[in-house]
Amino acid sequence: MPPAAVRELLRTLDRLAHCVGSLRSSGFGEPPALTRLADDVERLRLDARALVGEPADAAPARPPAGERATIAVPDIPYDARLWHGADDEGVGGHGPQVSPSPGHAGR
């Protein structure tokens, strides 16, 4: 069990992480300064755990309050029927080729 001072440090850092999460969810959004604060708090939490010999991956799996959870997107291909008849935006369409009208060629 960690010494009392380290336990208190960890509790304080947990409260700080909760406050930073509350700022994010209360309308501050994601400005760079708030993102840096969240990163700094997480770094402090990892360092405090290292003081008592806990490995870095022993941190809680859930994100601090207010942070968005990561959504896993599978690597399997999507069903091609979802995109039937759609064009590749920015790459050019694959639909039927339409010839320009006579007065607009070359413009």
PDB file of N, CA and C in Angstrom:
ATOM      1  N   MET A   1       0.847  -1.183   0.000  1.00  0.00           N
ATOM      2  CA  MET A   1       0.000   0.000   0.000  1.00  0.00           C
ATOM      3  C   MET A   1       0.892   1.245   0.000  1.00  0.00           C
ATOM      4  N   PRO A   2       0.550   2.253  -0.819  1.00  0.00           N
ATOM      5  CA  PRO A   2       1.368   3.458  -0.883  1.00  0.00           C
ATOM      6  C   PRO A   2       1.337   4.237   0.432  1.00  0.00           C
ATOM      7  N   PRO A   3       2.411   4.974   0.702  1.00  0.00           N
ATOM      8  CA  PRO A   3       2.422   5.830   1.892  1.00  0.00           C
ATOM      9  C   PRO A   3       1.271   6.838   1.841  1.00  0.00           C
ATOM     10  N   ALA A   4       0.890   7.348   3.015  1.00  0.00           N
ATOM     11  CA  ALA A   4      -0.248   8.264   3.120  1.00  0.00           C
ATOM     12  C   ALA A   4      -0.073   9.496   2.235  1.00  0.00           C
ATOM     13  N   ALA A   5       1.134  10.020   2.158  1.00  0.00           N
ATOM     14  CA  ALA A   5       1.363  11.224   1.354  1.00  0.00           C
ATOM     15  C   ALA A   5       1.102  10.960  -0.128  1.00  0.00           C
ATOM     16  N   VAL A   6       1.498   9.783  -0.609  1.00  0.00           N
ATOM     17  CA  VAL A   6       1.273   9.448  -2.022  1.00  0.00           C
ATOM     18  C   VAL A   6      -0.214   9.197  -2.264  1.00  0.00           C
ATOM     19  N   ARG A   7      -0.889   8.544  -1.321  1.00  0.00           N
ATOM     20  CA  ARG A   7      -2.343   8.343  -1.466  1.00  0.00           C
ATOM     21  C   ARG A   7      -3.063   9.685  -1.548  1.00  0.00           C
ATOM     22  N   GLU A   8      -2.657  10.623  -0.697  1.00  0.00           N
ATOM     23  CA  GLU A   8      -3.279  11.955  -0.729  1.00  0.00           C
ATOM     24  C   GLU A   8      -2.974  12.658  -2.048  1.00  0.00           C
ATOM     25  N   LEU A   9      -1.748  12.512  -2.545  1.00  0.00           N
ATOM     26  CA  LEU A   9      -1.387  13.096  -3.840  1.00  0.00           C
ATOM     27  C   LEU A   9      -2.264  12.511  -4.946  1.00  0.00           C
ATOM     28  N   LEU A  10      -2.450  11.195  -4.941  1.00  0.00           N
ATOM     29  CA  LEU A  10      -3.280  10.553  -5.962  1.00  0.00           C
ATOM     30  C   LEU A  10      -4.732  11.012  -5.873  1.00  0.00           C
ATOM     31  N   ARG A  11      -5.259  11.147  -4.647  1.00  0.00           N
ATOM     32  CA  ARG A  11      -6.640  11.649  -4.485  1.00  0.00           C
ATOM     33  C   ARG A  11      -6.756  13.078  -5.009  1.00  0.00           C
ATOM     34  N   THR A  12      -5.762  13.903  -4.710  1.00  0.00           N
ATOM     35  CA  THR A  12      -5.780  15.296  -5.170  1.00  0.00           C
ATOM     36  C   THR A  12      -5.712  15.360  -6.691  1.00  0.00           C
ATOM     37  N   LEU A  13      -4.865  14.524  -7.288  1.00  0.00           N
ATOM     38  CA  LEU A  13      -4.768  14.507  -8.751  1.00  0.00           C
ATOM     39  C   LEU A  13      -6.060  13.994  -9.384  1.00  0.00           C
ATOM     40  N   ASP A  14      -6.719  13.035  -8.732  1.00  0.00           N
ATOM     41  CA  ASP A  14      -8.016  12.570  -9.238  1.00  0.00           C
ATOM     42  C   ASP A  14      -9.044  13.699  -9.201  1.00  0.00           C
ATOM     43  N   ARG A  15      -9.042  14.480  -8.118  1.00  0.00           N
ATOM     44  CA  ARG A  15      -9.969  15.619  -8.038  1.00  0.00           C
ATOM     45  C   ARG A  15      -9.637  16.657  -9.103  1.00  0.00           C
ATOM     46  N   LEU A  16      -8.347  16.896  -9.327  1.00  0.00           N
ATOM     47  CA  LEU A  16      -7.931  17.849 -10.361  1.00  0.00           C
ATOM     48  C   LEU A  16      -8.365  17.363 -11.743  1.00  0.00           C
ATOM     49  N   ALA A  17      -8.204  16.076 -12.011  1.00  0.00           N
ATOM     50  CA  ALA A  17      -8.644  15.520 -13.294  1.00  0.00           C
ATOM     51  C   ALA A  17     -10.153  15.683 -13.450  1.00  0.00           C
ATOM     52  N   HIS A  18     -10.892  15.492 -12.365  1.00  0.00           N
ATOM     53  CA  HIS A  18     -12.346  15.680 -12.413  1.00  0.00           C
ATOM     54  C   HIS A  18     -12.687  17.142 -12.729  1.00  0.00           C
ATOM     55  N   CYS A  19     -11.974  18.084 -12.123  1.00  0.00           N
ATOM     56  CA  CYS A  19     -12.218  19.515 -12.386  1.00  0.00           C
ATOM     57  C   CYS A  19     -11.924  19.865 -13.843  1.00  0.00           C
ATOM     58  N   VAL A  20     -10.831  19.351 -14.372  1.00  0.00           N
ATOM     59  CA  VAL A  20     -10.496  19.614 -15.780  1.00  0.00           C
ATOM     60  C   VAL A  20     -11.573  19.013 -16.680  1.00  0.00           C
ATOM     61  N   GLY A  21     -12.032  17.815 -16.368  1.00  0.00           N
ATOM     62  CA  GLY A  21     -13.117  17.201 -17.132  1.00  0.00           C
ATOM     63  C   GLY A  21     -14.394  18.023 -17.058  1.00  0.00           C
ATOM     64  N   SER A  22     -14.679  18.594 -15.889  1.00  0.00           N
ATOM     65  CA  SER A  22     -15.866  19.440 -15.744  1.00  0.00           C
ATOM     66  C   SER A  22     -15.764  20.685 -16.606  1.00  0.00           C
ATOM     67  N   LEU A  23     -14.574  21.258 -16.699  1.00  0.00           N
ATOM     68  CA  LEU A  23     -14.390  22.426 -17.568  1.00  0.00           C
ATOM     69  C   LEU A  23     -14.684  22.069 -19.017  1.00  0.00           C
ATOM     70  N   ARG A  24     -14.221  20.897 -19.435  1.00  0.00           N
ATOM     71  CA  ARG A  24     -14.459  20.465 -20.819  1.00  0.00           C
ATOM     72  C   ARG A  24     -15.949  20.302 -21.097  1.00  0.00           C
ATOM     73  N   SER A  25     -16.681  19.764 -20.135  1.00  0.00           N
ATOM     74  CA  SER A  25     -18.099  19.495 -20.373  1.00  0.00           C
ATOM     75  C   SER A  25     -18.993  20.693 -20.063  1.00  0.00           C
ATOM     76  N   SER A  26     -18.436  21.774 -19.529  1.00  0.00           N
ATOM     77  CA  SER A  26     -19.267  22.925 -19.167  1.00  0.00           C
ATOM     78  C   SER A  26     -19.215  24.047 -20.193  1.00  0.00           C
ATOM     79  N   GLY A  27     -18.781  23.745 -21.400  1.00  0.00           N
ATOM     80  CA  GLY A  27     -18.844  24.754 -22.447  1.00  0.00           C
ATOM     81  C   GLY A  27     -17.506  25.334 -22.863  1.00  0.00           C
ATOM     82  N   PHE A  28     -16.420  24.939 -22.222  1.00  0.00           N
ATOM     83  CA  PHE A  28     -15.116  25.440 -22.639  1.00  0.00           C
ATOM     84  C   PHE A  28     -14.655  24.781 -23.930  1.00  0.00           C
ATOM     85  N   GLY A  29     -15.208  23.618 -24.230  1.00  0.00           N
ATOM     86  CA  GLY A  29     -14.815  22.917 -25.450  1.00  0.00           C
ATOM     87  C   GLY A  29     -13.453  22.276 -25.306  1.00  0.00           C
ATOM     88  N   GLU A  30     -12.657  22.345 -26.379  1.00  0.00           N
ATOM     89  CA  GLU A  30     -11.343  21.700 -26.414  1.00  0.00           C
ATOM     90  C   GLU A  30     -10.243  22.692 -26.799  1.00  0.00           C
ATOM     91  N   PRO A  31     -10.119  23.833 -26.107  1.00  0.00           N
ATOM     92  CA  PRO A  31      -9.021  24.733 -26.462  1.00  0.00           C
ATOM     93  C   PRO A  31      -7.677  24.082 -26.125  1.00  0.00           C
ATOM     94  N   PRO A  32      -6.611  24.484 -26.812  1.00  0.00           N
ATOM     95  CA  PRO A  32      -5.297  23.874 -26.556  1.00  0.00           C
ATOM     96  C   PRO A  32      -4.875  23.933 -25.089  1.00  0.00           C
ATOM     97  N   ALA A  33      -5.170  25.029 -24.411  1.00  0.00           N
ATOM     98  CA  ALA A  33      -4.760  25.148 -23.010  1.00  0.00           C
ATOM     99  C   ALA A  33      -5.429  24.080 -22.144  1.00  0.00           C
ATOM    100  N   LEU A  34      -6.684  23.790 -22.402  1.00  0.00           N
ATOM    101  CA  LEU A  34      -7.394  22.784 -21.617  1.00  0.00           C
ATOM    102  C   LEU A  34      -6.895  21.378 -21.951  1.00  0.00           C
ATOM    103  N   THR A  35      -6.565  21.156 -23.202  1.00  0.00           N
ATOM    104  CA  THR A  35      -5.997  19.866 -23.600  1.00  0.00           C
ATOM    105  C   THR A  35      -4.646  19.659 -22.924  1.00  0.00           C
ATOM    106  N   ARG A  36      -3.830  20.720 -22.879  1.00  0.00           N
ATOM    107  CA  ARG A  36      -2.528  20.618 -22.197  1.00  0.00           C
ATOM    108  C   ARG A  36      -2.718  20.325 -20.706  1.00  0.00           C
ATOM    109  N   LEU A  37      -3.701  20.991 -20.082  1.00  0.00           N
ATOM    110  CA  LEU A  37      -3.968  20.732 -18.664  1.00  0.00           C
ATOM    111  C   LEU A  37      -4.322  19.262 -18.432  1.00  0.00           C
ATOM    112  N   ALA A  38      -5.202  18.731 -19.270  1.00  0.00           N
ATOM    113  CA  ALA A  38      -5.599  17.324 -19.127  1.00  0.00           C
ATOM    114  C   ALA A  38      -4.393  16.405 -19.301  1.00  0.00           C
ATOM    115  N   ASP A  39      -3.549  16.704 -20.288  1.00  0.00           N
ATOM    116  CA  ASP A  39      -2.346  15.892 -20.506  1.00  0.00           C
ATOM    117  C   ASP A  39      -1.386  15.997 -19.322  1.00  0.00           C
ATOM    118  N   ASP A  40      -1.225  17.211 -18.788  1.00  0.00           N
ATOM    119  CA  ASP A  40      -0.328  17.410 -17.648  1.00  0.00           C
ATOM    120  C   ASP A  40      -0.822  16.659 -16.412  1.00  0.00           C
ATOM    121  N   VAL A  41      -2.120  16.710 -16.167  1.00  0.00           N
ATOM    122  CA  VAL A  41      -2.678  15.997 -15.013  1.00  0.00           C
ATOM    123  C   VAL A  41      -2.452  14.493 -15.166  1.00  0.00           C
ATOM    124  N   GLU A  42      -2.672  13.976 -16.364  1.00  0.00           N
ATOM    125  CA  GLU A  42      -2.458  12.541 -16.586  1.00  0.00           C
ATOM    126  C   GLU A  42      -0.989  12.173 -16.378  1.00  0.00           C
ATOM    127  N   ARG A  43      -0.086  13.033 -16.852  1.00  0.00           N
ATOM    128  CA  ARG A  43       1.351  12.782 -16.655  1.00  0.00           C
ATOM    129  C   ARG A  43       1.689  12.765 -15.165  1.00  0.00           C
ATOM    130  N   LEU A  44       1.127  13.704 -14.398  1.00  0.00           N
ATOM    131  CA  LEU A  44       1.360  13.737 -12.954  1.00  0.00           C
ATOM    132  C   LEU A  44       0.819  12.471 -12.279  1.00  0.00           C
ATOM    133  N   ARG A  45      -0.343  12.019 -12.722  1.00  0.00           N
ATOM    134  CA  ARG A  45      -0.914  10.795 -12.151  1.00  0.00           C
ATOM    135  C   ARG A  45      -0.005   9.593 -12.419  1.00  0.00           C
ATOM    136  N   LEU A  46       0.509   9.496 -13.634  1.00  0.00           N
ATOM    137  CA  LEU A  46       1.417   8.390 -13.968  1.00  0.00           C
ATOM    138  C   LEU A  46       2.691   8.461 -13.130  1.00  0.00           C
ATOM    139  N   ASP A  47       3.243   9.664 -12.979  1.00  0.00           N
ATOM    140  CA  ASP A  47       4.466   9.825 -12.192  1.00  0.00           C
ATOM    141  C   ASP A  47       4.223   9.506 -10.718  1.00  0.00           C
ATOM    142  N   ALA A  48       3.076   9.904 -10.191  1.00  0.00           N
ATOM    143  CA  ALA A  48       2.767   9.607  -8.789  1.00  0.00           C
ATOM    144  C   ALA A  48       2.640   8.100  -8.582  1.00  0.00           C
ATOM    145  N   ARG A  49       2.028   7.415  -9.534  1.00  0.00           N
ATOM    146  CA  ARG A  49       1.919   5.951  -9.426  1.00  0.00           C
ATOM    147  C   ARG A  49       3.297   5.295  -9.508  1.00  0.00           C
ATOM    148  N   ALA A  50       4.174   5.872 -10.325  1.00  0.00           N
ATOM    149  CA  ALA A  50       5.528   5.323 -10.456  1.00  0.00           C
ATOM    150  C   ALA A  50       6.297   5.434  -9.140  1.00  0.00           C
ATOM    151  N   LEU A  51       5.965   6.428  -8.320  1.00  0.00           N
ATOM    152  CA  LEU A  51       6.628   6.580  -7.021  1.00  0.00           C
ATOM    153  C   LEU A  51       6.444   5.352  -6.141  1.00  0.00           C
ATOM    154  N   VAL A  52       5.320   4.688  -6.289  1.00  0.00           N
ATOM    155  CA  VAL A  52       5.044   3.514  -5.457  1.00  0.00           C
ATOM    156  C   VAL A  52       5.224   2.218  -6.230  1.00  0.00           C
ATOM    157  N   GLY A  53       5.836   2.306  -7.403  1.00  0.00           N
ATOM    158  CA  GLY A  53       6.172   1.115  -8.163  1.00  0.00           C
ATOM    159  C   GLY A  53       5.073   0.549  -9.031  1.00  0.00           C
ATOM    160  N   GLU A  54       3.971   1.277  -9.205  1.00  0.00           N
ATOM    161  CA  GLU A  54       2.920   0.790 -10.101  1.00  0.00           C
ATOM    162  C   GLU A  54       3.346   1.018 -11.539  1.00  0.00           C
ATOM    163  N   PRO A  55       3.158   0.025 -12.405  1.00  0.00           N
ATOM    164  CA  PRO A  55       3.501   0.231 -13.814  1.00  0.00           C
ATOM    165  C   PRO A  55       2.563   1.258 -14.448  1.00  0.00           C
ATOM    166  N   ALA A  56       3.043   1.877 -15.523  1.00  0.00           N
ATOM    167  CA  ALA A  56       2.277   2.928 -16.199  1.00  0.00           C
ATOM    168  C   ALA A  56       0.941   2.413 -16.709  1.00  0.00           C
ATOM    169  N   ASP A  57       0.870   1.135 -17.084  1.00  0.00           N
ATOM    170  CA  ASP A  57      -0.386   0.613 -17.619  1.00  0.00           C
ATOM    171  C   ASP A  57      -1.375   0.227 -16.519  1.00  0.00           C
ATOM    172  N   ALA A  58      -1.025   0.492 -15.255  1.00  0.00           N
ATOM    173  CA  ALA A  58      -1.941   0.201 -14.163  1.00  0.00           C
ATOM    174  C   ALA A  58      -2.945   1.331 -13.951  1.00  0.00           C
ATOM    175  N   ALA A  59      -2.866   2.365 -14.776  1.00  0.00           N
ATOM    176  CA  ALA A  59      -3.807   3.478 -14.675  1.00  0.00           C
ATOM    177  C   ALA A  59      -5.212   2.981 -14.999  1.00  0.00           C
ATOM    178  N   PRO A  60      -6.238   3.637 -14.468  1.00  0.00           N
ATOM    179  CA  PRO A  60      -7.607   3.204 -14.758  1.00  0.00           C
ATOM    180  C   PRO A  60      -7.891   3.195 -16.249  1.00  0.00           C
ATOM    181  N   ALA A  61      -8.656   2.204 -16.704  1.00  0.00           N
ATOM    182  CA  ALA A  61      -8.971   2.089 -18.128  1.00  0.00           C
ATOM    183  C   ALA A  61      -9.990   3.120 -18.573  1.00  0.00           C
ATOM    184  N   ARG A  62     -10.816   3.621 -17.645  1.00  0.00           N
ATOM    185  CA  ARG A  62     -11.828   4.593 -18.046  1.00  0.00           C
ATOM    186  C   ARG A  62     -11.217   5.986 -18.105  1.00  0.00           C
ATOM    187  N   PRO A  63     -11.657   6.810 -19.054  1.00  0.00           N
ATOM    188  CA  PRO A  63     -11.126   8.165 -19.142  1.00  0.00           C
ATOM    189  C   PRO A  63     -11.631   9.009 -17.978  1.00  0.00           C
ATOM    190  N   PRO A  64     -10.889  10.047 -17.589  1.00  0.00           N
ATOM    191  CA  PRO A  64     -11.366  10.940 -16.532  1.00  0.00           C
ATOM    192  C   PRO A  64     -12.707  11.555 -16.916  1.00  0.00           C
ATOM    193  N   ALA A  65     -13.458  11.977 -15.913  1.00  0.00           N
ATOM    194  CA  ALA A  65     -14.791  12.551 -16.149  1.00  0.00           C
ATOM    195  C   ALA A  65     -14.717  13.678 -17.170  1.00  0.00           C
ATOM    196  N   GLY A  66     -15.637  13.669 -18.105  1.00  0.00           N
ATOM    197  CA  GLY A  66     -15.703  14.728 -19.105  1.00  0.00           C
ATOM    198  C   GLY A  66     -14.976  14.417 -20.390  1.00  0.00           C
ATOM    199  N   GLU A  67     -14.073  13.465 -20.368  1.00  0.00           N
ATOM    200  CA  GLU A  67     -13.349  13.138 -21.595  1.00  0.00           C
ATOM    201  C   GLU A  67     -14.157  12.161 -22.429  1.00  0.00           C
ATOM    202  N   ARG A  68     -13.996  12.250 -23.702  1.00  0.00           N
ATOM    203  CA  ARG A  68     -14.719  11.369 -24.609  1.00  0.00           C
ATOM    204  C   ARG A  68     -14.017  10.019 -24.681  1.00  0.00           C
ATOM    205  N   ALA A  69     -14.800   8.979 -24.746  1.00  0.00           N
ATOM    206  CA  ALA A  69     -14.244   7.635 -24.876  1.00  0.00           C
ATOM    207  C   ALA A  69     -13.841   7.387 -26.330  1.00  0.00           C
ATOM    208  N   THR A  70     -12.799   6.607 -26.523  1.00  0.00           N
ATOM    209  CA  THR A  70     -12.357   6.247 -27.864  1.00  0.00           C
ATOM    210  C   THR A  70     -13.301   5.200 -28.437  1.00  0.00           C
ATOM    211  N   ILE A  71     -13.671   5.380 -29.676  1.00  0.00           N
ATOM    212  CA  ILE A  71     -14.558   4.436 -30.345  1.00  0.00           C
ATOM    213  C   ILE A  71     -13.728   3.635 -31.334  1.00  0.00           C
ATOM    214  N   ALA A  72     -13.742   2.323 -31.173  1.00  0.00           N
ATOM    215  CA  ALA A  72     -12.980   1.456 -32.072  1.00  0.00           C
ATOM    216  C   ALA A  72     -13.751   1.272 -33.375  1.00  0.00           C
ATOM    217  N   VAL A  73     -13.058   1.433 -34.485  1.00  0.00           N
ATOM    218  CA  VAL A  73     -13.648   1.221 -35.805  1.00  0.00           C
ATOM    219  C   VAL A  73     -12.988  -0.025 -36.386  1.00  0.00           C
ATOM    220  N   PRO A  74     -13.768  -1.041 -36.733  1.00  0.00           N
ATOM    221  CA  PRO A  74     -13.171  -2.283 -37.220  1.00  0.00           C
ATOM    222  C   PRO A  74     -12.462  -2.086 -38.559  1.00  0.00           C
ATOM    223  N   ASP A  75     -11.440  -2.903 -38.790  1.00  0.00           N
ATOM    224  CA  ASP A  75     -10.668  -2.836 -40.031  1.00  0.00           C
ATOM    225  C   ASP A  75     -11.295  -3.652 -41.156  1.00  0.00           C
ATOM    226  N   ILE A  76     -12.385  -4.329 -40.876  1.00  0.00           N
ATOM    227  CA  ILE A  76     -13.012  -5.142 -41.925  1.00  0.00           C
ATOM    228  C   ILE A  76     -13.661  -4.226 -42.960  1.00  0.00           C
ATOM    229  N   PRO A  77     -13.692  -4.650 -44.217  1.00  0.00           N
ATOM    230  CA  PRO A  77     -14.282  -3.802 -45.253  1.00  0.00           C
ATOM    231  C   PRO A  77     -15.792  -3.636 -45.041  1.00  0.00           C
ATOM    232  N   TYR A  78     -16.279  -2.473 -45.424  1.00  0.00           N
ATOM    233  CA  TYR A  78     -17.715  -2.224 -45.370  1.00  0.00           C
ATOM    234  C   TYR A  78     -18.407  -2.959 -46.511  1.00  0.00           C
ATOM    235  N   ASP A  79     -19.674  -3.199 -46.355  1.00  0.00           N
ATOM    236  CA  ASP A  79     -20.486  -3.812 -47.397  1.00  0.00           C
ATOM    237  C   ASP A  79     -20.536  -2.849 -48.582  1.00  0.00           C
ATOM    238  N   ALA A  80     -20.096  -3.292 -49.755  1.00  0.00           N
ATOM    239  CA  ALA A  80     -20.025  -2.439 -50.948  1.00  0.00           C
ATOM    240  C   ALA A  80     -21.388  -1.892 -51.344  1.00  0.00           C
ATOM    241  N   ARG A  81     -22.455  -2.559 -50.940  1.00  0.00           N
ATOM    242  CA  ARG A  81     -23.797  -2.069 -51.286  1.00  0.00           C
ATOM    243  C   ARG A  81     -24.098  -0.727 -50.625  1.00  0.00           C
ATOM    244  N   LEU A  82     -23.405  -0.414 -49.529  1.00  0.00           N
ATOM    245  CA  LEU A  82     -23.610   0.877 -48.877  1.00  0.00           C
ATOM    246  C   LEU A  82     -23.238   2.038 -49.797  1.00  0.00           C
ATOM    247  N   TRP A  83     -22.280   1.807 -50.673  1.00  0.00           N
ATOM    248  CA  TRP A  83     -21.748   2.888 -51.507  1.00  0.00           C
ATOM    249  C   TRP A  83     -22.207   2.792 -52.956  1.00  0.00           C
ATOM    250  N   HIS A  84     -23.132   1.891 -53.246  1.00  0.00           N
ATOM    251  CA  HIS A  84     -23.608   1.724 -54.620  1.00  0.00           C
ATOM    252  C   HIS A  84     -24.186   3.042 -55.145  1.00  0.00           C
ATOM    253  N   GLY A  85     -23.660   3.499 -56.273  1.00  0.00           N
ATOM    254  CA  GLY A  85     -24.149   4.716 -56.903  1.00  0.00           C
ATOM    255  C   GLY A  85     -23.531   5.995 -56.357  1.00  0.00           C
ATOM    256  N   ALA A  86     -22.626   5.902 -55.406  1.00  0.00           N
ATOM    257  CA  ALA A  86     -22.001   7.096 -54.836  1.00  0.00           C
ATOM    258  C   ALA A  86     -20.704   7.410 -55.571  1.00  0.00           C
ATOM    259  N   ASP A  87     -20.349   8.677 -55.601  1.00  0.00           N
ATOM    260  CA  ASP A  87     -19.093   9.101 -56.213  1.00  0.00           C
ATOM    261  C   ASP A  87     -18.032   9.252 -55.130  1.00  0.00           C
ATOM    262  N   ASP A  88     -16.760   9.119 -55.529  1.00  0.00           N
ATOM    263  CA  ASP A  88     -15.651   9.368 -54.618  1.00  0.00           C
ATOM    264  C   ASP A  88     -15.397  10.864 -54.610  1.00  0.00           C
ATOM    265  N   GLU A  89     -15.761  11.502 -53.538  1.00  0.00           N
ATOM    266  CA  GLU A  89     -15.632  12.946 -53.443  1.00  0.00           C
ATOM    267  C   GLU A  89     -14.167  13.362 -53.521  1.00  0.00           C
ATOM    268  N   GLY A  90     -13.862  14.295 -54.382  1.00  0.00           N
ATOM    269  CA  GLY A  90     -12.509  14.812 -54.511  1.00  0.00           C
ATOM    270  C   GLY A  90     -11.621  13.994 -55.423  1.00  0.00           C
ATOM    271  N   VAL A  91     -12.052  12.804 -55.835  1.00  0.00           N
ATOM    272  CA  VAL A  91     -11.242  11.956 -56.695  1.00  0.00           C
ATOM    273  C   VAL A  91     -11.858  11.861 -58.080  1.00  0.00           C
ATOM    274  N   GLY A  92     -13.082  12.229 -58.193  1.00  0.00           N
ATOM    275  CA  GLY A  92     -13.782  12.123 -59.463  1.00  0.00           C
ATOM    276  C   GLY A  92     -14.804  11.019 -59.383  1.00  0.00           C
ATOM    277  N   GLY A  93     -15.828  11.179 -60.143  1.00  0.00           N
ATOM    278  CA  GLY A  93     -16.914  10.217 -60.095  1.00  0.00           C
ATOM    279  C   GLY A  93     -16.634   8.982 -60.916  1.00  0.00           C
ATOM    280  N   HIS A  94     -17.360   7.952 -60.631  1.00  0.00           N
ATOM    281  CA  HIS A  94     -17.263   6.707 -61.384  1.00  0.00           C
ATOM    282  C   HIS A  94     -18.555   6.446 -62.155  1.00  0.00           C
ATOM    283  N   GLY A  95     -19.451   7.417 -62.120  1.00  0.00           N
ATOM    284  CA  GLY A  95     -20.737   7.262 -62.785  1.00  0.00           C
ATOM    285  C   GLY A  95     -20.591   7.417 -64.289  1.00  0.00           C
ATOM    286  N   PRO A  96     -21.713   7.467 -64.983  1.00  0.00           N
ATOM    287  CA  PRO A  96     -21.661   7.601 -66.444  1.00  0.00           C
ATOM    288  C   PRO A  96     -20.986   8.909 -66.845  1.00  0.00           C
ATOM    289  N   GLN A  97     -20.169   8.829 -67.873  1.00  0.00           N
ATOM    290  CA  GLN A  97     -19.463  10.012 -68.361  1.00  0.00           C
ATOM    291  C   GLN A  97     -20.422  10.881 -69.164  1.00  0.00           C
ATOM    292  N   VAL A  98     -20.437  12.160 -68.874  1.00  0.00           N
ATOM    293  CA  VAL A  98     -21.305  13.100 -69.579  1.00  0.00           C
ATOM    294  C   VAL A  98     -20.412  14.022 -70.386  1.00  0.00           C
ATOM    295  N   SER A  99     -20.683  14.122 -71.663  1.00  0.00           N
ATOM    296  CA  SER A  99     -19.900  15.015 -72.521  1.00  0.00           C
ATOM    297  C   SER A  99     -20.336  16.450 -72.275  1.00  0.00           C
ATOM    298  N   PRO A 100     -19.361  17.392 -72.264  1.00  0.00           N
ATOM    299  CA  PRO A 100     -19.737  18.795 -72.086  1.00  0.00           C
ATOM    300  C   PRO A 100     -20.556  19.269 -73.277  1.00  0.00           C
ATOM    301  N   SER A 101     -21.419  20.225 -73.022  1.00  0.00           N
ATOM    302  CA  SER A 101     -22.218  20.771 -74.124  1.00  0.00           C
ATOM    303  C   SER A 101     -21.301  21.525 -75.073  1.00  0.00           C
ATOM    304  N   PRO A 102     -21.659  21.659 -76.358  1.00  0.00           N
ATOM    305  CA  PRO A 102     -20.771  22.205 -77.383  1.00  0.00           C
ATOM    306  C   PRO A 102     -20.175  23.575 -77.047  1.00  0.00           C
ATOM    307  N   GLY A 103     -20.865  24.447 -76.419  1.00  0.00           N
ATOM    308  CA  GLY A 103     -20.330  25.786 -76.164  1.00  0.00           C
ATOM    309  C   GLY A 103     -19.446  25.883 -74.940  1.00  0.00           C
ATOM    310  N   HIS A 104     -19.267  24.813 -74.170  1.00  0.00           N
ATOM    311  CA  HIS A 104     -18.531  24.884 -72.909  1.00  0.00           C
ATOM    312  C   HIS A 104     -17.227  24.107 -72.913  1.00  0.00           C
ATOM    313  N   ALA A 105     -16.855  23.509 -74.004  1.00  0.00           N
ATOM    314  CA  ALA A 105     -15.625  22.721 -74.051  1.00  0.00           C
ATOM    315  C   ALA A 105     -14.416  23.629 -73.915  1.00  0.00           C
ATOM    316  N   GLY A 106     -13.469  23.250 -73.089  1.00  0.00           N
ATOM    317  CA  GLY A 106     -12.215  23.984 -72.968  1.00  0.00           C
ATOM    318  C   GLY A 106     -12.280  25.175 -72.035  1.00  0.00           C
ATOM    319  N   ARG A 107     -13.394  25.454 -71.415  1.00  0.00           N
ATOM    320  CA  ARG A 107     -13.472  26.605 -70.508  1.00  0.00           C
ATOM    321  C   ARG A 107     -13.266  26.192 -69.101  1.00  0.00           C
TER     322      ARG A 107
END
